[in-house]
């Protein structure tokens, strides 16, 4: 199916998306990655309490945790995403984590 309305500002990104169904972006700078990394450290214990091998924030029943993580990620990532796409909104965000094995 041919897209009638472009999703990306950049025509090359749009072509990549139309051809492959995805694009790779250099989205965050080092400072933004550090903000998310250090932000995750504040929530790490909450995530590790979820006793499954592959966890995400959405596996928690803690509404305050889910909202806090969502706010941290969205305020860091959403403005960067909006630099590339037309008329879009990020609906939610979470930290996905894979537990290591001892």
N, C-alpha and C. Protein backbone atom coordinates (compact mmCIF):
# COMPACT_ATOMS: atom_id res chain seq x y z
N UNK A 1 0.85 -1.18 0.00
CA UNK A 1 0.00 0.00 0.00
C UNK A 1 0.89 1.24 0.00
N UNK A 2 0.61 2.15 -0.87
CA UNK A 2 1.40 3.37 -0.98
C UNK A 2 0.90 4.42 0.02
N UNK A 3 1.85 5.06 0.70
CA UNK A 3 1.53 6.11 1.67
C UNK A 3 1.21 7.39 0.91
N UNK A 4 0.10 8.03 1.23
CA UNK A 4 -0.27 9.27 0.56
C UNK A 4 0.22 10.50 1.30
N UNK A 5 0.43 10.37 2.60
CA UNK A 5 0.91 11.49 3.40
C UNK A 5 2.25 11.08 3.99
N UNK A 6 3.30 11.88 3.79
CA UNK A 6 4.61 11.51 4.35
C UNK A 6 4.61 11.56 5.87
N UNK A 7 5.41 10.72 6.47
CA UNK A 7 5.56 10.67 7.92
C UNK A 7 6.79 11.44 8.37
N UNK A 8 7.83 11.44 7.55
CA UNK A 8 9.11 12.05 7.90
C UNK A 8 9.34 13.34 7.13
N UNK A 9 9.96 14.30 7.78
CA UNK A 9 10.31 15.56 7.11
C UNK A 9 11.33 15.31 6.00
N UNK A 10 12.31 14.47 6.29
CA UNK A 10 13.39 14.17 5.36
C UNK A 10 12.93 13.13 4.33
N UNK A 11 13.07 13.46 3.04
CA UNK A 11 12.59 12.57 1.99
C UNK A 11 13.35 11.24 1.97
N UNK A 12 14.64 11.25 2.29
CA UNK A 12 15.42 10.01 2.31
C UNK A 12 14.94 9.10 3.43
N UNK A 13 14.66 9.66 4.61
CA UNK A 13 14.09 8.86 5.70
C UNK A 13 12.74 8.29 5.31
N UNK A 14 11.94 9.09 4.63
CA UNK A 14 10.63 8.61 4.19
C UNK A 14 10.78 7.45 3.22
N UNK A 15 11.74 7.57 2.29
CA UNK A 15 11.98 6.49 1.33
C UNK A 15 12.43 5.22 2.06
N UNK A 16 13.35 5.36 3.02
CA UNK A 16 13.80 4.20 3.79
C UNK A 16 12.62 3.55 4.51
N UNK A 17 11.76 4.38 5.10
CA UNK A 17 10.59 3.86 5.81
C UNK A 17 9.64 3.13 4.86
N UNK A 18 9.38 3.74 3.72
CA UNK A 18 8.47 3.14 2.75
C UNK A 18 9.03 1.82 2.22
N UNK A 19 10.35 1.77 2.01
CA UNK A 19 10.98 0.56 1.48
C UNK A 19 11.12 -0.54 2.51
N UNK A 20 11.47 -0.17 3.76
CA UNK A 20 11.83 -1.16 4.78
C UNK A 20 10.82 -1.29 5.91
N UNK A 21 10.00 -0.27 6.11
CA UNK A 21 9.06 -0.29 7.23
C UNK A 21 9.64 0.24 8.52
N UNK A 22 10.91 0.70 8.49
CA UNK A 22 11.56 1.26 9.67
C UNK A 22 12.71 2.16 9.21
N UNK A 23 13.19 3.00 10.11
CA UNK A 23 14.39 3.80 9.89
C UNK A 23 15.23 3.77 11.16
N UNK A 24 16.51 3.96 11.00
CA UNK A 24 17.42 4.09 12.14
C UNK A 24 17.79 5.56 12.26
N UNK A 25 17.70 6.08 13.48
CA UNK A 25 18.01 7.48 13.73
C UNK A 25 19.07 7.59 14.82
N UNK A 26 19.94 8.57 14.69
CA UNK A 26 20.82 8.94 15.79
C UNK A 26 20.03 9.94 16.61
N UNK A 27 19.29 9.44 17.57
CA UNK A 27 18.25 10.24 18.21
C UNK A 27 18.76 11.06 19.39
N UNK A 28 19.56 10.44 20.27
CA UNK A 28 19.95 11.09 21.51
C UNK A 28 21.44 11.36 21.55
N UNK A 29 21.80 12.47 22.20
CA UNK A 29 23.22 12.74 22.40
C UNK A 29 23.67 12.12 23.73
N UNK A 30 24.94 12.21 24.01
CA UNK A 30 25.51 11.57 25.20
C UNK A 30 24.84 12.07 26.48
N UNK A 31 24.60 13.36 26.58
CA UNK A 31 23.97 13.94 27.78
C UNK A 31 22.56 13.38 27.98
N UNK A 32 21.81 13.25 26.91
CA UNK A 32 20.45 12.71 27.01
C UNK A 32 20.45 11.24 27.43
N UNK A 33 21.41 10.48 26.89
CA UNK A 33 21.54 9.08 27.29
C UNK A 33 21.88 8.99 28.77
N UNK A 34 22.76 9.85 29.24
CA UNK A 34 23.12 9.86 30.67
C UNK A 34 21.92 10.23 31.54
N UNK A 35 21.10 11.14 31.09
CA UNK A 35 19.88 11.50 31.83
C UNK A 35 19.00 10.27 32.00
N UNK A 36 18.82 9.51 30.93
CA UNK A 36 17.99 8.31 31.01
C UNK A 36 18.65 7.22 31.85
N UNK A 37 19.95 7.07 31.70
CA UNK A 37 20.67 6.06 32.49
C UNK A 37 20.55 6.36 33.99
N UNK A 38 20.86 7.58 34.36
CA UNK A 38 20.78 7.95 35.77
C UNK A 38 19.34 7.96 36.27
N UNK A 39 18.43 8.32 35.40
CA UNK A 39 17.02 8.25 35.76
C UNK A 39 16.60 6.82 36.03
N UNK A 40 17.07 5.89 35.19
CA UNK A 40 16.75 4.48 35.41
C UNK A 40 17.29 4.00 36.75
N UNK A 41 18.47 4.45 37.13
CA UNK A 41 19.07 4.01 38.40
C UNK A 41 18.13 4.30 39.57
N UNK A 42 17.41 5.41 39.48
CA UNK A 42 16.46 5.76 40.55
C UNK A 42 15.27 4.79 40.59
N UNK A 43 14.99 4.14 39.47
CA UNK A 43 13.85 3.22 39.39
C UNK A 43 14.26 1.75 39.34
N UNK A 44 15.54 1.48 39.34
CA UNK A 44 16.05 0.12 39.14
C UNK A 44 15.50 -0.87 40.16
N UNK A 45 15.50 -0.53 41.43
CA UNK A 45 15.02 -1.46 42.46
C UNK A 45 13.55 -1.81 42.24
N UNK A 46 12.76 -0.84 41.80
CA UNK A 46 11.33 -1.10 41.53
C UNK A 46 11.19 -2.12 40.40
N UNK A 47 12.03 -2.00 39.38
CA UNK A 47 11.97 -2.92 38.25
C UNK A 47 12.45 -4.31 38.65
N UNK A 48 13.50 -4.37 39.46
CA UNK A 48 14.06 -5.66 39.84
C UNK A 48 13.14 -6.46 40.75
N UNK A 49 12.20 -5.80 41.42
CA UNK A 49 11.22 -6.51 42.26
C UNK A 49 10.25 -7.34 41.42
N UNK A 50 10.12 -7.00 40.16
CA UNK A 50 9.24 -7.75 39.26
C UNK A 50 9.99 -9.03 38.92
N UNK A 51 9.47 -10.14 39.32
CA UNK A 51 10.22 -11.39 39.28
C UNK A 51 10.02 -12.18 37.99
N UNK A 52 10.40 -11.58 36.86
CA UNK A 52 10.43 -12.28 35.59
C UNK A 52 11.72 -11.90 34.87
N UNK A 53 12.16 -12.73 33.92
CA UNK A 53 13.45 -12.50 33.26
C UNK A 53 13.48 -11.25 32.39
N UNK A 54 12.42 -11.01 31.66
CA UNK A 54 12.35 -9.82 30.82
C UNK A 54 11.24 -8.94 31.38
N UNK A 55 11.62 -7.76 31.86
CA UNK A 55 10.64 -6.90 32.52
C UNK A 55 10.57 -5.55 31.82
N UNK A 56 9.50 -4.87 32.03
CA UNK A 56 9.38 -3.49 31.60
C UNK A 56 8.56 -2.75 32.66
N UNK A 57 8.63 -1.47 32.60
CA UNK A 57 7.90 -0.65 33.56
C UNK A 57 6.42 -1.02 33.58
N UNK A 58 5.88 -1.36 32.42
CA UNK A 58 4.45 -1.66 32.35
C UNK A 58 4.07 -2.95 33.06
N UNK A 59 5.04 -3.79 33.45
CA UNK A 59 4.73 -4.98 34.25
C UNK A 59 4.43 -4.64 35.71
N UNK A 60 4.73 -3.43 36.10
CA UNK A 60 4.48 -3.00 37.47
C UNK A 60 3.01 -2.60 37.65
N UNK A 61 2.52 -2.79 38.85
CA UNK A 61 1.18 -2.31 39.20
C UNK A 61 1.24 -0.95 39.89
N UNK A 62 2.45 -0.38 39.96
CA UNK A 62 2.67 0.88 40.66
C UNK A 62 2.42 2.04 39.70
N UNK A 63 1.24 2.64 39.80
CA UNK A 63 0.85 3.73 38.90
C UNK A 63 1.82 4.91 38.97
N UNK A 64 2.30 5.24 40.18
CA UNK A 64 3.24 6.35 40.33
C UNK A 64 4.57 6.07 39.62
N UNK A 65 5.05 4.83 39.73
CA UNK A 65 6.27 4.44 39.02
C UNK A 65 6.08 4.56 37.51
N UNK A 66 4.99 4.03 37.01
CA UNK A 66 4.73 4.07 35.56
C UNK A 66 4.69 5.51 35.07
N UNK A 67 4.01 6.38 35.80
CA UNK A 67 3.91 7.78 35.40
C UNK A 67 5.26 8.50 35.49
N UNK A 68 6.04 8.22 36.53
CA UNK A 68 7.33 8.87 36.70
C UNK A 68 8.30 8.46 35.59
N UNK A 69 8.33 7.17 35.26
CA UNK A 69 9.19 6.69 34.18
C UNK A 69 8.75 7.29 32.86
N UNK A 70 7.47 7.27 32.60
CA UNK A 70 6.93 7.83 31.37
C UNK A 70 7.31 9.30 31.23
N UNK A 71 7.15 10.06 32.29
CA UNK A 71 7.49 11.49 32.25
C UNK A 71 8.97 11.71 31.99
N UNK A 72 9.84 10.94 32.65
CA UNK A 72 11.28 11.08 32.45
C UNK A 72 11.66 10.80 31.00
N UNK A 73 11.18 9.69 30.48
CA UNK A 73 11.55 9.31 29.12
C UNK A 73 10.95 10.29 28.10
N UNK A 74 9.68 10.60 28.26
CA UNK A 74 9.04 11.50 27.29
C UNK A 74 9.68 12.87 27.24
N UNK A 75 10.02 13.44 28.38
CA UNK A 75 10.60 14.79 28.34
C UNK A 75 11.98 14.78 27.70
N UNK A 76 12.65 13.63 27.70
CA UNK A 76 13.97 13.52 27.09
C UNK A 76 13.89 13.12 25.62
N UNK A 77 13.05 12.18 25.30
CA UNK A 77 13.04 11.57 23.97
C UNK A 77 12.04 12.22 23.00
N UNK A 78 10.86 12.55 23.47
CA UNK A 78 9.82 13.04 22.56
C UNK A 78 10.24 14.27 21.74
N UNK A 79 10.90 15.27 22.35
CA UNK A 79 11.30 16.42 21.52
C UNK A 79 12.25 16.04 20.39
N UNK A 80 13.08 15.02 20.63
CA UNK A 80 14.01 14.57 19.59
C UNK A 80 13.27 13.84 18.47
N UNK A 81 12.31 13.03 18.82
CA UNK A 81 11.52 12.31 17.81
C UNK A 81 10.77 13.31 16.94
N UNK A 82 10.22 14.35 17.56
CA UNK A 82 9.40 15.33 16.83
C UNK A 82 10.22 16.12 15.81
N UNK A 83 11.54 16.09 15.91
CA UNK A 83 12.40 16.76 14.92
C UNK A 83 12.37 16.03 13.58
N UNK A 84 11.91 14.79 13.56
CA UNK A 84 11.96 13.96 12.36
C UNK A 84 10.61 13.68 11.73
N UNK A 85 9.51 13.77 12.49
CA UNK A 85 8.22 13.30 11.98
C UNK A 85 7.15 14.38 12.00
N UNK A 86 6.22 14.24 11.07
CA UNK A 86 5.06 15.11 10.99
C UNK A 86 3.98 14.64 11.95
N UNK A 87 3.25 15.56 12.50
CA UNK A 87 1.96 15.32 13.13
C UNK A 87 1.88 14.00 13.92
N UNK A 88 2.76 13.85 14.90
CA UNK A 88 2.81 12.62 15.68
C UNK A 88 2.81 12.93 17.16
N UNK A 89 2.52 11.91 17.95
CA UNK A 89 2.52 12.02 19.40
C UNK A 89 3.01 10.69 19.96
N UNK A 90 3.94 10.76 20.89
CA UNK A 90 4.38 9.56 21.58
C UNK A 90 3.35 9.26 22.67
N UNK A 91 2.81 8.06 22.65
CA UNK A 91 1.71 7.73 23.56
C UNK A 91 2.18 7.32 24.95
N UNK A 92 3.26 6.56 25.03
CA UNK A 92 3.76 6.13 26.33
C UNK A 92 5.21 5.67 26.15
N UNK A 93 5.88 5.47 27.27
CA UNK A 93 7.26 4.99 27.23
C UNK A 93 7.52 4.15 28.46
N UNK A 94 8.55 3.32 28.39
CA UNK A 94 8.89 2.45 29.50
C UNK A 94 10.33 2.00 29.36
N UNK A 95 10.88 1.49 30.45
CA UNK A 95 12.20 0.88 30.42
C UNK A 95 12.04 -0.62 30.24
N UNK A 96 12.51 -1.20 29.12
CA UNK A 96 12.54 -2.65 29.02
C UNK A 96 13.88 -3.16 29.57
N UNK A 97 13.88 -4.21 30.33
CA UNK A 97 15.10 -4.71 30.98
C UNK A 97 15.13 -6.24 30.93
N UNK A 98 16.29 -6.76 30.64
CA UNK A 98 16.48 -8.21 30.69
C UNK A 98 17.39 -8.50 31.87
N UNK A 99 16.89 -9.32 32.79
CA UNK A 99 17.68 -9.68 33.96
C UNK A 99 18.80 -10.61 33.56
N UNK A 100 19.97 -10.41 34.17
CA UNK A 100 21.09 -11.31 33.94
C UNK A 100 20.91 -12.59 34.73
N UNK A 101 21.58 -13.61 34.31
CA UNK A 101 21.53 -14.88 35.02
C UNK A 101 22.79 -15.03 35.88
N UNK A 102 22.64 -15.53 37.12
CA UNK A 102 23.84 -15.69 37.96
C UNK A 102 24.76 -16.77 37.46
